Structures are given as C-alpha cells and as structure tokens.
Amino acid sequence: MPEDFQRDFTKDETWRVFRIVSEFVEGIEELSGVGPCVSIFGSARLPKSHKYYRKTRSLAKRLVREGFNIITGAGPGLMEAANRGAQDAGGLSIGLNIDLPYEQEPNPYVDKLITFRYFFVRKVMFVRHSIAFIIMPGGFGTMDELFESLTLIQTHKIKPFPVILIGTDFWKEMIDWVSHHMIRFKTIAPEDTNYLRLVDSTDEAVEHIMNFCAENPDFCKINKMVPGQNNKKGK
C-alpha cells in the first residue's frame, strides 16, 4: 500500500468510536450485579492525618454497614480513605480509575478496579451505579462530578438522587454563591438549590440517604437512568 494511503488506525476517529463503545461495555459488565452503591468523591491531595481523611473513612464504614458498597475514583487522598473504610467494614470497594498523562496509581484498598481512558465513560458509570453521591472537599475533578450530577438532575436526564456535600468550612461560601449570586442573576431557579444537601456529620449524611431509600425503595435497587427519555416531573 502506498505510504500516502497508510493510516494509523489506532488514531483514526472511526476506530476511536469502537474503543469508546468497548469501554462502556466493559464498565457495564464489570459492574453488573454489584448491588446498591454510594459514590464518594474528594481530593487526592489530603493526607492520612487530615480530619477529612478520617471522616471519609468513617463514613464509608457506616454506609457499608447500612448495606451499600462504595465507589471512588480509585486514587489517593480521600478516595483512598473511602475505599479503605469500605474494606474495614467488609464491603465491596470499587475503584474507577482514569488513565492520565501523569500516571495515577490506584490505591491499595480497591477490590474491583476498572481503568478508563475517557472521562465521560467513567462519569456514566458513577451515575449509573450509584444511589447517592457524597462530595467531600476536593478540587476541579470533584467539582466536575458535583456539577455534572446537578446538571443531569436539573435537566431531567436522570431521576433525582441525594447529592450530599460534607464540610461547611469548605463548601459554605460556594453554596452561598450558588444560593444568592446565581439566583439573583436568574441563571438558576430557586428550587434548583434543593438538589443539594450540605451537612457536617457522617450521621446526617447516612440518615439522609437512608430516609431517601425508605421513601424510594425501588430506586435504591434498580438503574435510575432512562436511556433516550427525559424523566419529566410527575412521571
């Protein structure tokens, strides 16, 4: 074949689509049957000595004892704390790792590890297999997961589920900005703030999730995504 006509099929856009599809298939197959899970997001940079490391580990243990498995991004810091807490309590500790230019080694407390190349595929797996999101203090990646979930709920692409921020000392100023500045400029509706819950204690977080599941037992057992259909209010 003439050199001009040769292609690097690994970089061709068409073949990239197949790779994306294969990631979706792998993720869905690997996570099938894992049961109800709570995803915990947070900074990769906070050390074991930090109060939020201890709080995250404790929270994961509590959630496992209530019957939930734990999903994280598989990294260090607060992700490690959540996976560690899940193992402490004998639950399934799941890590959805991401392939980055600078290698992110998965933490040693993951039972089931899946590594993704594409962020958007990984995000789908978090949403698809979680009955609640716990948002600990974190950076841009944590904020990305937070606002992705809020956008999906606000636009009725998924059914509402608990999105819980933990740590008033970290989140209060952002919540105030959302609650006042964005509403004042009418870029969101006042009721949009109802999608968030800000708490300080692990007891409050667990209680909120348990109350939600008591009121929505089927939701906490089945896939909440409805492909190809908007979940309009009242349906």
C-alpha atoms as a PDB file:
ATOM      1  CA  MET A   1       0.000   0.000   0.000  1.00  0.00           C
ATOM      2  CA  PRO A   2       1.413   3.436  -0.922  1.00  0.00           C
ATOM      3  CA  GLU A   3       2.665   5.364   2.069  1.00  0.00           C
ATOM      4  CA  ASP A   4       0.262   8.246   1.377  1.00  0.00           C
ATOM      5  CA  PHE A   5      -2.686   5.899   1.879  1.00  0.00           C
ATOM      6  CA  GLN A   6      -1.470   4.273   5.035  1.00  0.00           C
ATOM      7  CA  ARG A   7      -3.274   5.100   8.235  1.00  0.00           C
ATOM      8  CA  ASP A   8      -2.582   4.708  11.880  1.00  0.00           C
ATOM      9  CA  PHE A   9      -5.854   3.023  12.723  1.00  0.00           C
ATOM     10  CA  THR A  10      -5.265   3.449  16.458  1.00  0.00           C
ATOM     11  CA  LYS A  11      -5.643   7.207  15.961  1.00  0.00           C
ATOM     12  CA  ASP A  12      -8.414   7.139  13.381  1.00  0.00           C
ATOM     13  CA  GLU A  13     -11.668   8.696  14.572  1.00  0.00           C
ATOM     14  CA  THR A  14     -13.743   5.732  13.438  1.00  0.00           C
ATOM     15  CA  TRP A  15     -11.685   3.279  15.444  1.00  0.00           C
ATOM     16  CA  ARG A  16     -11.813   5.576  18.457  1.00  0.00           C
ATOM     17  CA  VAL A  17     -15.587   5.103  18.484  1.00  0.00           C
ATOM     18  CA  PHE A  18     -15.093   1.348  18.844  1.00  0.00           C
ATOM     19  CA  ARG A  19     -12.742   1.926  21.754  1.00  0.00           C
ATOM     20  CA  ILE A  20     -15.323   4.157  23.444  1.00  0.00           C
ATOM     21  CA  VAL A  21     -18.030   1.538  22.961  1.00  0.00           C
ATOM     22  CA  SER A  22     -15.739  -1.151  24.361  1.00  0.00           C
ATOM     23  CA  GLU A  23     -15.189   0.942  27.498  1.00  0.00           C
ATOM     24  CA  PHE A  24     -18.932   1.266  28.004  1.00  0.00           C
ATOM     25  CA  VAL A  25     -19.384  -2.487  27.550  1.00  0.00           C
ATOM     26  CA  GLU A  26     -16.539  -3.333  29.924  1.00  0.00           C
ATOM     27  CA  GLY A  27     -17.787  -0.936  32.589  1.00  0.00           C
ATOM     28  CA  ILE A  28     -21.364  -2.180  32.445  1.00  0.00           C
ATOM     29  CA  GLU A  29     -20.308  -5.835  32.513  1.00  0.00           C
ATOM     30  CA  GLU A  30     -17.795  -5.400  35.330  1.00  0.00           C
ATOM     31  CA  LEU A  31     -20.271  -3.508  37.499  1.00  0.00           C
ATOM     32  CA  SER A  32     -23.323  -5.638  36.822  1.00  0.00           C
ATOM     33  CA  GLY A  33     -24.697  -7.143  39.993  1.00  0.00           C
ATOM     34  CA  VAL A  34     -22.638  -5.055  42.417  1.00  0.00           C
ATOM     35  CA  GLY A  35     -25.758  -4.003  44.297  1.00  0.00           C
ATOM     36  CA  PRO A  36     -26.619  -0.533  45.589  1.00  0.00           C
ATOM     37  CA  CYS A  37     -23.560   1.709  45.762  1.00  0.00           C
ATOM     38  CA  VAL A  38     -22.696   5.157  47.042  1.00  0.00           C
ATOM     39  CA  SER A  39     -20.009   7.107  45.193  1.00  0.00           C
ATOM     40  CA  ILE A  40     -17.672   9.191  47.323  1.00  0.00           C
ATOM     41  CA  PHE A  41     -15.670  11.985  45.695  1.00  0.00           C
ATOM     42  CA  GLY A  42     -12.916  14.117  47.192  1.00  0.00           C
ATOM     43  CA  SER A  43      -9.399  15.443  46.976  1.00  0.00           C
ATOM     44  CA  ALA A  44      -6.499  13.194  46.039  1.00  0.00           C
ATOM     45  CA  ARG A  45      -4.146  15.549  47.890  1.00  0.00           C
ATOM     46  CA  LEU A  46      -5.274  15.390  51.508  1.00  0.00           C
ATOM     47  CA  PRO A  47      -3.028  13.220  53.723  1.00  0.00           C
ATOM     48  CA  LYS A  48      -3.986  10.457  56.126  1.00  0.00           C
ATOM     49  CA  SER A  49      -3.561  12.863  59.039  1.00  0.00           C
ATOM     50  CA  HIS A  50      -6.269  15.223  57.749  1.00  0.00           C
ATOM     51  CA  LYS A  51      -9.619  15.332  59.539  1.00  0.00           C
ATOM     52  CA  TYR A  52     -11.462  14.754  56.273  1.00  0.00           C
ATOM     53  CA  TYR A  53      -9.479  11.572  55.600  1.00  0.00           C
ATOM     54  CA  ARG A  54     -10.655  10.225  58.936  1.00  0.00           C
ATOM     55  CA  LYS A  55     -14.211  11.418  58.352  1.00  0.00           C
ATOM     56  CA  THR A  56     -14.347   9.888  54.867  1.00  0.00           C
ATOM     57  CA  ARG A  57     -13.081   6.543  56.109  1.00  0.00           C
ATOM     58  CA  SER A  58     -15.610   6.547  58.935  1.00  0.00           C
ATOM     59  CA  LEU A  59     -18.451   7.471  56.583  1.00  0.00           C
ATOM     60  CA  ALA A  60     -17.612   4.652  54.171  1.00  0.00           C
ATOM     61  CA  LYS A  61     -17.676   2.162  57.041  1.00  0.00           C
ATOM     62  CA  ARG A  62     -21.086   3.430  58.142  1.00  0.00           C
ATOM     63  CA  LEU A  63     -22.506   3.161  54.639  1.00  0.00           C
ATOM     64  CA  VAL A  64     -21.247  -0.402  54.193  1.00  0.00           C
ATOM     65  CA  ARG A  65     -22.867  -1.392  57.486  1.00  0.00           C
ATOM     66  CA  GLU A  66     -26.139   0.005  56.151  1.00  0.00           C
ATOM     67  CA  GLY A  67     -25.893  -2.253  53.115  1.00  0.00           C
ATOM     68  CA  PHE A  68     -24.166  -0.120  50.479  1.00  0.00           C
ATOM     69  CA  ASN A  69     -20.974  -0.748  48.546  1.00  0.00           C
ATOM     70  CA  ILE A  70     -18.556   2.096  47.846  1.00  0.00           C
ATOM     71  CA  ILE A  71     -17.323   3.543  44.545  1.00  0.00           C
ATOM     72  CA  THR A  72     -14.476   6.055  44.212  1.00  0.00           C
ATOM     73  CA  GLY A  73     -12.095   7.313  41.570  1.00  0.00           C
ATOM     74  CA  ALA A  74      -9.502   4.826  42.905  1.00  0.00           C
ATOM     75  CA  GLY A  75      -6.890   7.477  43.623  1.00  0.00           C
ATOM     76  CA  PRO A  76      -5.099   8.548  46.818  1.00  0.00           C
ATOM     77  CA  GLY A  77      -6.274  11.007  49.464  1.00  0.00           C
ATOM     78  CA  LEU A  78      -9.976  10.970  50.254  1.00  0.00           C
ATOM     79  CA  MET A  79     -10.653   8.366  47.574  1.00  0.00           C
ATOM     80  CA  GLU A  80      -8.266   6.046  49.372  1.00  0.00           C
ATOM     81  CA  ALA A  81      -9.975   6.831  52.671  1.00  0.00           C
ATOM     82  CA  ALA A  82     -13.357   5.804  51.263  1.00  0.00           C
ATOM     83  CA  ASN A  83     -12.055   2.555  49.763  1.00  0.00           C
ATOM     84  CA  ARG A  84     -10.223   1.804  52.979  1.00  0.00           C
ATOM     85  CA  GLY A  85     -13.339   2.355  55.055  1.00  0.00           C
ATOM     86  CA  ALA A  86     -15.312   0.058  52.764  1.00  0.00           C
ATOM     87  CA  GLN A  87     -12.764  -2.716  53.262  1.00  0.00           C
ATOM     88  CA  ASP A  88     -12.673  -2.086  57.013  1.00  0.00           C
ATOM     89  CA  ALA A  89     -16.377  -2.906  57.183  1.00  0.00           C
ATOM     90  CA  GLY A  90     -16.213  -5.870  54.794  1.00  0.00           C
ATOM     91  CA  GLY A  91     -17.971  -4.166  51.893  1.00  0.00           C
ATOM     92  CA  LEU A  92     -17.157  -4.182  48.210  1.00  0.00           C
ATOM     93  CA  SER A  93     -14.614  -1.440  47.492  1.00  0.00           C
ATOM     94  CA  ILE A  94     -14.804  -0.320  43.858  1.00  0.00           C
ATOM     95  CA  GLY A  95     -12.359   1.982  42.070  1.00  0.00           C
ATOM     96  CA  LEU A  96     -12.988   3.620  38.701  1.00  0.00           C
ATOM     97  CA  ASN A  97      -9.503   4.725  37.741  1.00  0.00           C
ATOM     98  CA  ILE A  98      -8.633   7.113  34.900  1.00  0.00           C
ATOM     99  CA  ASP A  99      -5.689   6.862  32.526  1.00  0.00           C
ATOM    100  CA  LEU A 100      -3.870  10.208  32.816  1.00  0.00           C
ATOM    101  CA  PRO A 101      -0.729  11.645  31.188  1.00  0.00           C
ATOM    102  CA  TYR A 102       0.784  11.548  34.658  1.00  0.00           C
ATOM    103  CA  GLU A 103       0.048   8.064  35.918  1.00  0.00           C
ATOM    104  CA  GLN A 104      -2.458   7.789  38.749  1.00  0.00           C
ATOM    105  CA  GLU A 105      -1.694   4.633  40.662  1.00  0.00           C
ATOM    106  CA  PRO A 106      -4.795   3.096  42.233  1.00  0.00           C
ATOM    107  CA  ASN A 107      -4.797   2.997  45.998  1.00  0.00           C
ATOM    108  CA  PRO A 108      -4.230  -0.400  47.686  1.00  0.00           C
ATOM    109  CA  TYR A 109      -7.747  -0.643  49.143  1.00  0.00           C
ATOM    110  CA  VAL A 110      -9.668  -1.384  45.934  1.00  0.00           C
ATOM    111  CA  ASP A 111     -11.317  -4.798  45.458  1.00  0.00           C
ATOM    112  CA  LYS A 112     -12.718  -4.233  41.973  1.00  0.00           C
ATOM    113  CA  LEU A 113     -10.678  -1.929  39.718  1.00  0.00           C
ATOM    114  CA  ILE A 114     -11.671  -0.648  36.282  1.00  0.00           C
ATOM    115  CA  THR A 115      -9.423   1.773  34.396  1.00  0.00           C
ATOM    116  CA  PHE A 116     -10.928   4.138  31.833  1.00  0.00           C
ATOM    117  CA  ARG A 117      -9.349   6.181  29.078  1.00  0.00           C
ATOM    118  CA  TYR A 118     -12.285   8.554  28.665  1.00  0.00           C
ATOM    119  CA  PHE A 119     -13.658  10.732  31.450  1.00  0.00           C
ATOM    120  CA  PHE A 120     -17.185  10.783  30.047  1.00  0.00           C
ATOM    121  CA  VAL A 121     -17.463   6.980  30.041  1.00  0.00           C
ATOM    122  CA  ARG A 122     -16.233   6.900  33.624  1.00  0.00           C
ATOM    123  CA  LYS A 123     -18.805   9.532  34.618  1.00  0.00           C
ATOM    124  CA  VAL A 124     -21.615   7.426  33.207  1.00  0.00           C
ATOM    125  CA  MET A 125     -20.503   4.501  35.360  1.00  0.00           C
ATOM    126  CA  PHE A 126     -20.511   6.635  38.513  1.00  0.00           C
ATOM    127  CA  VAL A 127     -24.040   7.860  37.830  1.00  0.00           C
ATOM    128  CA  ARG A 128     -25.408   4.569  36.546  1.00  0.00           C
ATOM    129  CA  HIS A 129     -24.350   2.523  39.565  1.00  0.00           C
ATOM    130  CA  SER A 130     -24.848   4.986  42.444  1.00  0.00           C
ATOM    131  CA  ILE A 131     -27.920   5.706  44.512  1.00  0.00           C
ATOM    132  CA  ALA A 132     -26.209   8.739  46.093  1.00  0.00           C
ATOM    133  CA  PHE A 133     -23.176  10.984  45.655  1.00  0.00           C
ATOM    134  CA  ILE A 134     -21.126  12.085  48.659  1.00  0.00           C
ATOM    135  CA  ILE A 135     -18.992  15.124  47.851  1.00  0.00           C
ATOM    136  CA  MET A 136     -16.102  15.674  50.229  1.00  0.00           C
ATOM    137  CA  PRO A 137     -13.739  18.666  49.925  1.00  0.00           C
ATOM    138  CA  GLY A 138     -11.850  18.484  46.649  1.00  0.00           C
ATOM    139  CA  GLY A 139     -10.522  20.236  43.584  1.00  0.00           C
ATOM    140  CA  PHE A 140     -11.582  20.642  39.968  1.00  0.00           C
ATOM    141  CA  GLY A 141     -12.273  16.928  39.473  1.00  0.00           C
ATOM    142  CA  THR A 142     -14.567  16.817  42.495  1.00  0.00           C
ATOM    143  CA  MET A 143     -16.356  19.968  41.324  1.00  0.00           C
ATOM    144  CA  ASP A 144     -16.739  18.431  37.882  1.00  0.00           C
ATOM    145  CA  GLU A 145     -18.527  15.384  39.298  1.00  0.00           C
ATOM    146  CA  LEU A 146     -20.684  17.594  41.525  1.00  0.00           C
ATOM    147  CA  PHE A 147     -21.943  19.887  38.772  1.00  0.00           C
ATOM    148  CA  GLU A 148     -22.285  17.046  36.276  1.00  0.00           C
ATOM    149  CA  SER A 149     -24.727  15.318  38.623  1.00  0.00           C
ATOM    150  CA  LEU A 150     -26.636  18.545  39.318  1.00  0.00           C
ATOM    151  CA  THR A 151     -26.941  19.265  35.596  1.00  0.00           C
ATOM    152  CA  LEU A 152     -28.266  15.775  34.862  1.00  0.00           C
ATOM    153  CA  ILE A 153     -30.851  16.081  37.631  1.00  0.00           C
ATOM    154  CA  GLN A 154     -31.848  19.652  36.716  1.00  0.00           C
ATOM    155  CA  THR A 155     -32.380  18.732  33.061  1.00  0.00           C
ATOM    156  CA  HIS A 156     -34.293  15.532  33.979  1.00  0.00           C
ATOM    157  CA  LYS A 157     -31.798  13.272  32.263  1.00  0.00           C
ATOM    158  CA  ILE A 158     -31.698  11.177  35.419  1.00  0.00           C
ATOM    159  CA  LYS A 159     -34.038  10.810  38.336  1.00  0.00           C
ATOM    160  CA  PRO A 160     -33.154  12.946  41.372  1.00  0.00           C
ATOM    161  CA  PHE A 161     -30.970  11.255  43.971  1.00  0.00           C
ATOM    162  CA  PRO A 162     -29.081  12.502  47.044  1.00  0.00           C
ATOM    163  CA  VAL A 163     -26.116  14.780  46.331  1.00  0.00           C
ATOM    164  CA  ILE A 164     -24.574  15.489  49.709  1.00  0.00           C
ATOM    165  CA  LEU A 165     -21.759  17.936  50.407  1.00  0.00           C
ATOM    166  CA  ILE A 166     -19.843  17.289  53.617  1.00  0.00           C
ATOM    167  CA  GLY A 167     -17.962  20.100  55.322  1.00  0.00           C
ATOM    168  CA  THR A 168     -19.454  23.533  55.987  1.00  0.00           C
ATOM    169  CA  ASP A 169     -15.986  25.003  56.462  1.00  0.00           C
ATOM    170  CA  PHE A 170     -15.127  24.041  52.870  1.00  0.00           C
ATOM    171  CA  TRP A 171     -18.425  24.328  50.969  1.00  0.00           C
ATOM    172  CA  LYS A 172     -20.406  27.135  52.643  1.00  0.00           C
ATOM    173  CA  GLU A 173     -19.038  30.013  50.557  1.00  0.00           C
ATOM    174  CA  MET A 174     -19.718  28.139  47.327  1.00  0.00           C
ATOM    175  CA  ILE A 175     -23.248  27.280  48.457  1.00  0.00           C
ATOM    176  CA  ASP A 176     -23.843  30.919  49.396  1.00  0.00           C
ATOM    177  CA  TRP A 177     -22.642  31.989  45.949  1.00  0.00           C
ATOM    178  CA  VAL A 178     -24.943  29.491  44.244  1.00  0.00           C
ATOM    179  CA  SER A 179     -27.885  30.347  46.502  1.00  0.00           C
ATOM    180  CA  HIS A 180     -27.597  34.104  46.184  1.00  0.00           C
ATOM    181  CA  HIS A 181     -25.479  35.182  43.235  1.00  0.00           C
ATOM    182  CA  MET A 182     -26.798  32.721  40.663  1.00  0.00           C
ATOM    183  CA  ILE A 183     -30.388  33.165  41.797  1.00  0.00           C
ATOM    184  CA  ARG A 184     -30.038  36.963  41.795  1.00  0.00           C
ATOM    185  CA  PHE A 185     -28.826  36.822  38.197  1.00  0.00           C
ATOM    186  CA  LYS A 186     -31.625  34.314  37.428  1.00  0.00           C
ATOM    187  CA  THR A 187     -29.201  31.791  35.941  1.00  0.00           C
ATOM    188  CA  ILE A 188     -30.840  29.070  38.059  1.00  0.00           C
ATOM    189  CA  ALA A 189     -34.250  28.779  39.681  1.00  0.00           C
ATOM    190  CA  PRO A 190     -34.544  28.984  43.492  1.00  0.00           C
ATOM    191  CA  GLU A 191     -35.799  25.393  43.639  1.00  0.00           C
ATOM    192  CA  ASP A 192     -32.624  24.168  41.907  1.00  0.00           C
ATOM    193  CA  THR A 193     -30.789  24.540  45.211  1.00  0.00           C
ATOM    194  CA  ASN A 194     -32.981  21.741  46.590  1.00  0.00           C
ATOM    195  CA  TYR A 195     -30.849  19.240  44.689  1.00  0.00           C
ATOM    196  CA  LEU A 196     -28.018  19.829  47.182  1.00  0.00           C
ATOM    197  CA  ARG A 197     -27.697  18.951  50.847  1.00  0.00           C
ATOM    198  CA  LEU A 198     -24.885  20.432  52.976  1.00  0.00           C
ATOM    199  CA  VAL A 199     -24.043  18.608  56.209  1.00  0.00           C
ATOM    200  CA  ASP A 200     -21.179  18.360  58.645  1.00  0.00           C
ATOM    201  CA  SER A 201     -21.628  14.982  60.289  1.00  0.00           C
ATOM    202  CA  THR A 202     -21.499  11.484  58.861  1.00  0.00           C
ATOM    203  CA  ASP A 203     -24.680  10.735  60.818  1.00  0.00           C
ATOM    204  CA  GLU A 204     -26.581  13.404  58.876  1.00  0.00           C
ATOM    205  CA  ALA A 205     -25.308  12.085  55.555  1.00  0.00           C
ATOM    206  CA  VAL A 206     -26.234   8.473  56.314  1.00  0.00           C
ATOM    207  CA  GLU A 207     -29.622   9.492  57.716  1.00  0.00           C
ATOM    208  CA  HIS A 208     -30.443  11.471  54.570  1.00  0.00           C
ATOM    209  CA  ILE A 209     -29.561   8.528  52.321  1.00  0.00           C
ATOM    210  CA  MET A 210     -31.488   6.042  54.461  1.00  0.00           C
ATOM    211  CA  ASN A 211     -34.565   8.279  54.518  1.00  0.00           C
ATOM    212  CA  PHE A 212     -34.367   8.670  50.764  1.00  0.00           C
ATOM    213  CA  CYS A 213     -34.151   4.907  50.255  1.00  0.00           C
ATOM    214  CA  ALA A 214     -37.040   4.301  52.651  1.00  0.00           C
ATOM    215  CA  GLU A 215     -39.169   6.628  50.521  1.00  0.00           C
ATOM    216  CA  ASN A 216     -37.800   5.300  47.216  1.00  0.00           C
ATOM    217  CA  PRO A 217     -37.073   1.588  47.763  1.00  0.00           C
ATOM    218  CA  ASP A 218     -37.193   0.642  44.081  1.00  0.00           C
ATOM    219  CA  PHE A 219     -34.875   3.489  43.143  1.00  0.00           C
ATOM    220  CA  CYS A 220     -32.227   2.190  45.511  1.00  0.00           C
ATOM    221  CA  LYS A 221     -32.319  -1.224  43.836  1.00  0.00           C
ATOM    222  CA  ILE A 222     -32.567  -0.516  40.106  1.00  0.00           C
ATOM    223  CA  ASN A 223     -30.790   1.504  37.466  1.00  0.00           C
ATOM    224  CA  LYS A 224     -32.154   5.047  37.644  1.00  0.00           C
ATOM    225  CA  MET A 225     -31.123   6.061  34.125  1.00  0.00           C
ATOM    226  CA  VAL A 226     -33.773   6.003  31.414  1.00  0.00           C
ATOM    227  CA  PRO A 227     -31.948   5.873  28.079  1.00  0.00           C
ATOM    228  CA  GLY A 228     -33.444   8.015  25.332  1.00  0.00           C
ATOM    229  CA  GLN A 229     -36.111   9.514  27.561  1.00  0.00           C
ATOM    230  CA  ASN A 230     -36.340  12.627  29.700  1.00  0.00           C
ATOM    231  CA  ASN A 231     -37.661  11.919  33.193  1.00  0.00           C
ATOM    232  CA  LYS A 232     -40.220  14.690  33.419  1.00  0.00           C
ATOM    233  CA  LYS A 233     -41.546  15.634  36.829  1.00  0.00           C
ATOM    234  CA  GLY A 234     -44.639  13.759  37.781  1.00  0.00           C
ATOM    235  CA  LYS A 235     -43.782  10.634  35.798  1.00  0.00           C
END
